[in-house]
Amino acid sequence: MAVRVAIRVGPGASRTRVGGGHGDALVVKVTARAVEGRATEAALRAVADALGVRRRDVTLVSGATSRDKVVEVAGDETEIRAKIDGLRGS
């Protein structure tokens, strides 16, 4: 199964971190700048690390050039949702 999650990417941060919320979206701060897709790739990698899945299990669904993105995470749906809720602080 797979879970779709909205993320809000903040490029150019002092350090990479995943956590908090922006509306319904999970906040992902990355050190990479928003140039040539580097911030998007860094965000996908950060989400994979935070959820304990491989990078290839995280797929960009929409928002390639936007701060607001939707990603799909492959894996155990219950476990992934629990981790996302923990990261959001809910």
N, C-alpha and C. Protein backbone atom coordinates (compact mmCIF):
# COMPACT_ATOMS: atom_id res chain seq x y z
N MET A 1 0.84 -1.18 0.00
CA MET A 1 0.00 0.00 0.00
C MET A 1 0.88 1.25 0.00
N ALA A 2 0.26 2.37 -0.31
CA ALA A 2 0.99 3.63 -0.33
C ALA A 2 0.14 4.71 0.33
N VAL A 3 0.82 5.69 0.88
CA VAL A 3 0.17 6.81 1.56
C VAL A 3 0.58 8.10 0.85
N ARG A 4 -0.40 8.93 0.54
CA ARG A 4 -0.09 10.24 -0.03
C ARG A 4 -0.08 11.26 1.10
N VAL A 5 0.93 12.11 1.06
CA VAL A 5 1.06 13.13 2.10
C VAL A 5 1.47 14.46 1.45
N ALA A 6 0.83 15.53 1.92
CA ALA A 6 1.20 16.87 1.46
C ALA A 6 2.40 17.34 2.28
N ILE A 7 3.37 17.94 1.60
CA ILE A 7 4.52 18.48 2.30
C ILE A 7 4.71 19.94 1.89
N ARG A 8 5.28 20.73 2.78
CA ARG A 8 5.62 22.12 2.51
C ARG A 8 7.13 22.21 2.65
N VAL A 9 7.82 22.49 1.54
CA VAL A 9 9.28 22.50 1.52
C VAL A 9 9.81 23.90 1.77
N GLY A 10 10.78 23.99 2.65
CA GLY A 10 11.47 25.25 2.93
C GLY A 10 12.93 25.10 2.52
N PRO A 11 13.29 25.57 1.33
CA PRO A 11 14.68 25.45 0.88
C PRO A 11 15.58 26.48 1.55
N GLY A 12 16.88 26.20 1.56
CA GLY A 12 17.86 27.15 2.09
C GLY A 12 17.89 27.23 3.60
N ALA A 13 17.45 26.21 4.29
CA ALA A 13 17.47 26.19 5.76
C ALA A 13 18.89 25.95 6.26
N SER A 14 19.14 26.26 7.52
CA SER A 14 20.47 26.05 8.08
C SER A 14 20.77 24.57 8.30
N ARG A 15 19.70 23.77 8.47
CA ARG A 15 19.88 22.31 8.58
C ARG A 15 18.61 21.63 8.07
N THR A 16 18.75 20.39 7.67
CA THR A 16 17.61 19.62 7.18
C THR A 16 16.84 19.05 8.36
N ARG A 17 15.52 19.23 8.32
CA ARG A 17 14.67 18.65 9.37
C ARG A 17 13.27 18.44 8.83
N VAL A 18 12.60 17.46 9.39
CA VAL A 18 11.22 17.15 9.02
C VAL A 18 10.40 17.20 10.29
N GLY A 19 9.38 18.02 10.30
CA GLY A 19 8.53 18.10 11.48
C GLY A 19 7.73 19.38 11.52
N GLY A 20 6.60 19.31 12.19
CA GLY A 20 5.72 20.46 12.27
C GLY A 20 4.68 20.42 11.18
N GLY A 21 3.81 21.39 11.22
CA GLY A 21 2.75 21.43 10.24
C GLY A 21 2.56 22.81 9.65
N HIS A 22 2.08 22.84 8.45
CA HIS A 22 1.70 24.07 7.76
C HIS A 22 0.33 23.77 7.14
N GLY A 23 -0.72 24.10 7.86
CA GLY A 23 -2.04 23.66 7.45
C GLY A 23 -2.11 22.15 7.60
N ASP A 24 -2.45 21.46 6.51
CA ASP A 24 -2.49 19.99 6.53
C ASP A 24 -1.17 19.37 6.09
N ALA A 25 -0.20 20.20 5.73
CA ALA A 25 1.06 19.69 5.17
C ALA A 25 2.12 19.48 6.25
N LEU A 26 2.96 18.50 6.02
CA LEU A 26 4.12 18.22 6.85
C LEU A 26 5.25 19.15 6.39
N VAL A 27 5.90 19.84 7.32
CA VAL A 27 6.96 20.78 6.97
C VAL A 27 8.29 20.03 6.80
N VAL A 28 8.97 20.31 5.68
CA VAL A 28 10.27 19.72 5.39
C VAL A 28 11.23 20.86 5.06
N LYS A 29 12.21 21.10 5.94
CA LYS A 29 13.23 22.13 5.71
C LYS A 29 14.48 21.44 5.18
N VAL A 30 15.05 22.00 4.12
CA VAL A 30 16.26 21.41 3.53
C VAL A 30 17.30 22.49 3.31
N THR A 31 18.56 22.11 3.34
CA THR A 31 19.65 23.06 3.14
C THR A 31 19.82 23.42 1.67
N ALA A 32 19.39 22.55 0.78
CA ALA A 32 19.55 22.79 -0.66
C ALA A 32 18.71 23.99 -1.11
N ARG A 33 19.23 24.68 -2.08
CA ARG A 33 18.51 25.80 -2.69
C ARG A 33 17.55 25.29 -3.75
N ALA A 34 16.55 26.10 -4.06
CA ALA A 34 15.55 25.72 -5.06
C ALA A 34 16.06 25.99 -6.47
N VAL A 35 17.10 25.28 -6.85
CA VAL A 35 17.72 25.43 -8.17
C VAL A 35 17.81 24.06 -8.82
N GLU A 36 17.26 23.95 -10.02
CA GLU A 36 17.34 22.73 -10.82
C GLU A 36 16.87 21.48 -10.07
N GLY A 37 15.84 21.63 -9.25
CA GLY A 37 15.24 20.49 -8.56
C GLY A 37 16.01 19.96 -7.37
N ARG A 38 17.05 20.67 -6.96
CA ARG A 38 17.87 20.18 -5.83
C ARG A 38 17.08 20.16 -4.52
N ALA A 39 16.29 21.17 -4.28
CA ALA A 39 15.51 21.22 -3.03
C ALA A 39 14.45 20.12 -3.02
N THR A 40 13.85 19.85 -4.16
CA THR A 40 12.84 18.79 -4.25
C THR A 40 13.47 17.44 -3.95
N GLU A 41 14.60 17.16 -4.57
CA GLU A 41 15.28 15.89 -4.33
C GLU A 41 15.71 15.76 -2.87
N ALA A 42 16.23 16.84 -2.30
CA ALA A 42 16.63 16.83 -0.89
C ALA A 42 15.42 16.59 0.02
N ALA A 43 14.28 17.17 -0.35
CA ALA A 43 13.06 16.98 0.45
C ALA A 43 12.59 15.54 0.39
N LEU A 44 12.62 14.93 -0.79
CA LEU A 44 12.22 13.53 -0.92
C LEU A 44 13.13 12.63 -0.10
N ARG A 45 14.43 12.92 -0.13
CA ARG A 45 15.40 12.15 0.65
C ARG A 45 15.14 12.32 2.15
N ALA A 46 14.85 13.55 2.57
CA ALA A 46 14.59 13.83 3.98
C ALA A 46 13.32 13.13 4.47
N VAL A 47 12.28 13.12 3.65
CA VAL A 47 11.04 12.42 4.01
C VAL A 47 11.31 10.92 4.15
N ALA A 48 12.05 10.36 3.22
CA ALA A 48 12.38 8.93 3.29
C ALA A 48 13.13 8.61 4.57
N ASP A 49 14.13 9.42 4.90
CA ASP A 49 14.91 9.19 6.12
C ASP A 49 14.03 9.31 7.37
N ALA A 50 13.19 10.34 7.41
CA ALA A 50 12.34 10.57 8.58
C ALA A 50 11.32 9.44 8.79
N LEU A 51 10.86 8.84 7.68
CA LEU A 51 9.86 7.78 7.79
C LEU A 51 10.48 6.39 7.83
N GLY A 52 11.79 6.31 7.68
CA GLY A 52 12.46 5.02 7.75
C GLY A 52 12.23 4.13 6.56
N VAL A 53 12.08 4.75 5.37
CA VAL A 53 11.91 3.98 4.14
C VAL A 53 13.04 4.32 3.18
N ARG A 54 13.16 3.54 2.12
CA ARG A 54 14.17 3.83 1.11
C ARG A 54 13.74 5.02 0.28
N ARG A 55 14.70 5.73 -0.28
CA ARG A 55 14.40 6.89 -1.12
C ARG A 55 13.49 6.51 -2.29
N ARG A 56 13.71 5.33 -2.85
CA ARG A 56 12.91 4.92 -4.00
C ARG A 56 11.45 4.65 -3.64
N ASP A 57 11.14 4.56 -2.35
CA ASP A 57 9.76 4.36 -1.91
C ASP A 57 8.98 5.67 -1.77
N VAL A 58 9.66 6.80 -1.98
CA VAL A 58 9.03 8.11 -1.91
C VAL A 58 9.00 8.70 -3.31
N THR A 59 7.79 8.96 -3.82
CA THR A 59 7.60 9.44 -5.18
C THR A 59 6.89 10.78 -5.18
N LEU A 60 7.37 11.71 -5.98
CA LEU A 60 6.72 13.00 -6.13
C LEU A 60 5.47 12.83 -7.00
N VAL A 61 4.32 13.25 -6.49
CA VAL A 61 3.06 13.14 -7.23
C VAL A 61 2.75 14.47 -7.92
N SER A 62 2.92 15.57 -7.20
CA SER A 62 2.67 16.88 -7.79
C SER A 62 3.47 17.95 -7.07
N GLY A 63 3.68 19.08 -7.76
CA GLY A 63 4.35 20.23 -7.15
C GLY A 63 5.83 20.30 -7.38
N ALA A 64 6.30 19.85 -8.53
CA ALA A 64 7.75 19.82 -8.80
C ALA A 64 8.41 21.18 -8.63
N THR A 65 7.74 22.26 -8.99
CA THR A 65 8.35 23.59 -8.91
C THR A 65 7.70 24.45 -7.84
N SER A 66 6.94 23.86 -6.96
CA SER A 66 6.24 24.60 -5.91
C SER A 66 6.77 24.20 -4.53
N ARG A 67 6.58 25.07 -3.55
CA ARG A 67 6.93 24.70 -2.18
C ARG A 67 5.94 23.66 -1.64
N ASP A 68 4.72 23.70 -2.14
CA ASP A 68 3.70 22.74 -1.72
C ASP A 68 3.71 21.56 -2.67
N LYS A 69 3.97 20.39 -2.12
CA LYS A 69 4.10 19.18 -2.93
C LYS A 69 3.24 18.07 -2.34
N VAL A 70 2.95 17.08 -3.15
CA VAL A 70 2.29 15.87 -2.68
C VAL A 70 3.22 14.72 -3.04
N VAL A 71 3.52 13.90 -2.04
CA VAL A 71 4.37 12.74 -2.27
C VAL A 71 3.61 11.48 -1.90
N GLU A 72 4.02 10.38 -2.49
CA GLU A 72 3.44 9.08 -2.18
C GLU A 72 4.54 8.23 -1.57
N VAL A 73 4.22 7.64 -0.43
CA VAL A 73 5.19 6.81 0.30
C VAL A 73 4.70 5.37 0.30
N ALA A 74 5.51 4.48 -0.26
CA ALA A 74 5.17 3.06 -0.31
C ALA A 74 5.59 2.40 0.99
N GLY A 75 4.75 1.50 1.47
CA GLY A 75 5.08 0.78 2.69
C GLY A 75 3.82 0.47 3.47
N ASP A 76 4.00 0.08 4.73
CA ASP A 76 2.89 -0.26 5.61
C ASP A 76 2.12 1.01 5.96
N GLU A 77 0.86 1.08 5.51
CA GLU A 77 0.06 2.30 5.65
C GLU A 77 -0.10 2.74 7.10
N THR A 78 -0.40 1.82 7.99
CA THR A 78 -0.61 2.16 9.39
C THR A 78 0.65 2.72 10.02
N GLU A 79 1.78 2.08 9.75
CA GLU A 79 3.05 2.51 10.31
C GLU A 79 3.46 3.88 9.77
N ILE A 80 3.29 4.10 8.48
CA ILE A 80 3.66 5.38 7.87
C ILE A 80 2.79 6.50 8.41
N ARG A 81 1.48 6.26 8.50
CA ARG A 81 0.58 7.30 9.04
C ARG A 81 0.92 7.64 10.49
N ALA A 82 1.28 6.65 11.28
CA ALA A 82 1.66 6.90 12.67
C ALA A 82 2.92 7.75 12.75
N LYS A 83 3.89 7.47 11.90
CA LYS A 83 5.13 8.25 11.88
C LYS A 83 4.86 9.68 11.42
N ILE A 84 4.00 9.85 10.41
CA ILE A 84 3.66 11.19 9.92
C ILE A 84 2.97 11.98 11.02
N ASP A 85 2.02 11.36 11.71
CA ASP A 85 1.33 12.05 12.81
C ASP A 85 2.32 12.47 13.90
N GLY A 86 3.28 11.61 14.19
CA GLY A 86 4.30 11.94 15.17
C GLY A 86 5.16 13.12 14.74
N LEU A 87 5.50 13.15 13.46
CA LEU A 87 6.31 14.25 12.93
C LEU A 87 5.54 15.57 12.92
N ARG A 88 4.24 15.49 12.66
CA ARG A 88 3.41 16.69 12.66
C ARG A 88 3.19 17.21 14.07
N GLY A 89 3.38 16.34 15.03
CA GLY A 89 3.16 16.73 16.43
C GLY A 89 1.72 16.54 16.87
N SER A 90 0.98 15.68 16.13
CA SER A 90 -0.42 15.45 16.52
C SER A 90 -0.58 14.16 17.28
